[in-house]
């Protein structure tokens, strides 16, 4: 892995670890990884899922299909329960954007 990829890899996994700690402590109902390109997601998905599961949390991979293909980013949604993920998905099904769908879950 090149230094640049290693730096990006370390940054993404570091942020996921920090966000897992926020959710696991009860400060937030949901958090999300930094936005990633498809290749970034592929690079970190295995280790990210292990970190999330180690904290006793659940996750959802948001593809963000709302954007044109050349402008898409991907996130890993991190939540304390599958119910929270389902509530988020219900808002997405109603046509809310990813950011608007996250609003109810981001407050302490």
Protein backbone atom coordinates (compact mmCIF):
# COMPACT_ATOMS: atom_id res chain seq x y z
CA UNK A 1 0.00 0.00 0.00
CA UNK A 2 1.39 3.42 -0.96
CA UNK A 3 1.95 6.03 1.77
CA UNK A 4 -0.95 8.14 0.49
CA UNK A 5 -3.29 5.14 0.58
CA UNK A 6 -1.97 4.19 4.02
CA UNK A 7 -2.64 7.71 5.31
CA UNK A 8 -6.19 7.65 3.92
CA UNK A 9 -6.73 4.14 5.28
CA UNK A 10 -5.52 5.16 8.75
CA UNK A 11 -7.60 8.34 8.71
CA UNK A 12 -10.83 6.56 7.74
CA UNK A 13 -10.38 3.77 10.29
CA UNK A 14 -9.41 6.28 12.98
CA UNK A 15 -12.58 8.29 12.34
CA UNK A 16 -14.72 5.14 12.36
CA UNK A 17 -13.19 4.14 15.70
CA UNK A 18 -13.91 7.57 17.18
CA UNK A 19 -17.49 7.57 15.87
CA UNK A 20 -18.04 4.08 17.27
CA UNK A 21 -17.00 5.38 20.67
CA UNK A 22 -19.54 8.24 20.43
CA UNK A 23 -22.35 5.85 19.54
CA UNK A 24 -21.34 3.17 22.05
CA UNK A 25 -21.22 5.77 24.84
CA UNK A 26 -24.78 6.88 24.03
CA UNK A 27 -23.79 10.39 22.94
CA UNK A 28 -25.28 9.85 19.48
CA UNK A 29 -27.79 7.36 18.09
CA UNK A 30 -25.99 7.22 14.77
CA UNK A 31 -22.74 8.37 13.22
CA UNK A 32 -21.23 7.98 9.81
CA UNK A 33 -17.80 7.45 8.41
CA UNK A 34 -16.06 10.13 6.40
CA UNK A 35 -17.38 10.20 2.82
CA UNK A 36 -15.44 7.74 0.69
CA UNK A 37 -14.96 6.97 -2.95
CA UNK A 38 -15.83 3.41 -3.99
CA UNK A 39 -12.16 2.36 -3.92
CA UNK A 40 -11.73 3.83 -0.43
CA UNK A 41 -14.72 1.85 0.81
CA UNK A 42 -13.34 -1.36 -0.68
CA UNK A 43 -9.99 -0.67 0.99
CA UNK A 44 -11.39 -0.32 4.54
CA UNK A 45 -14.67 -2.26 4.65
CA UNK A 46 -13.39 -5.44 6.27
CA UNK A 47 -11.50 -3.70 9.07
CA UNK A 48 -14.23 -1.08 9.55
CA UNK A 49 -16.86 -3.76 10.06
CA UNK A 50 -14.62 -5.50 12.60
CA UNK A 51 -14.21 -2.25 14.56
CA UNK A 52 -17.95 -1.59 14.51
CA UNK A 53 -18.81 -5.11 15.62
CA UNK A 54 -16.14 -5.02 18.35
CA UNK A 55 -18.01 -2.04 19.84
CA UNK A 56 -21.27 -4.02 19.76
CA UNK A 57 -22.79 -1.77 17.12
CA UNK A 58 -24.46 -2.31 13.74
CA UNK A 59 -23.79 -0.69 10.38
CA UNK A 60 -25.30 0.07 7.01
CA UNK A 61 -23.46 0.87 3.79
CA UNK A 62 -24.99 4.00 2.19
CA UNK A 63 -24.26 4.10 -1.55
CA UNK A 64 -25.77 7.59 -1.96
CA UNK A 65 -27.37 6.87 -5.32
CA UNK A 66 -28.98 10.34 -5.21
CA UNK A 67 -25.92 11.82 -6.92
CA UNK A 68 -24.69 11.33 -10.48
CA UNK A 69 -22.34 8.35 -10.70
CA UNK A 70 -19.21 10.47 -11.16
CA UNK A 71 -20.05 12.48 -8.00
CA UNK A 72 -21.11 9.70 -5.62
CA UNK A 73 -19.62 9.11 -2.22
CA UNK A 74 -20.23 6.24 0.13
CA UNK A 75 -20.60 6.12 3.90
CA UNK A 76 -20.76 3.52 6.59
CA UNK A 77 -23.64 4.33 8.95
CA UNK A 78 -22.90 3.28 12.52
CA UNK A 79 -25.76 2.77 15.01
CA UNK A 80 -26.41 1.17 18.36
CA UNK A 81 -29.36 -0.81 17.04
CA UNK A 82 -30.81 -2.18 13.82
CA UNK A 83 -34.01 -0.26 14.69
CA UNK A 84 -32.16 3.04 14.22
CA UNK A 85 -30.90 1.90 10.81
CA UNK A 86 -34.47 0.92 9.86
CA UNK A 87 -35.77 4.35 10.92
CA UNK A 88 -33.09 5.99 8.78
CA UNK A 89 -34.00 3.79 5.79
CA UNK A 90 -37.69 4.66 6.21
CA UNK A 91 -36.82 8.35 5.82
CA UNK A 92 -34.70 7.56 2.75
CA UNK A 93 -37.62 5.64 1.21
CA UNK A 94 -39.78 8.74 1.67
CA UNK A 95 -37.33 10.66 -0.53
CA UNK A 96 -35.25 12.42 2.12
CA UNK A 97 -31.60 13.04 1.23
CA UNK A 98 -28.96 11.17 3.26
CA UNK A 99 -28.16 14.29 5.30
CA UNK A 100 -31.82 15.11 6.01
CA UNK A 101 -32.43 11.48 6.96
CA UNK A 102 -29.60 11.66 9.49
CA UNK A 103 -30.84 14.78 11.29
CA UNK A 104 -33.09 13.03 13.84
CA UNK A 105 -30.25 10.76 14.95
CA UNK A 106 -27.36 13.18 15.31
CA UNK A 107 -28.28 14.92 18.55
CA UNK A 108 -27.17 13.87 22.02
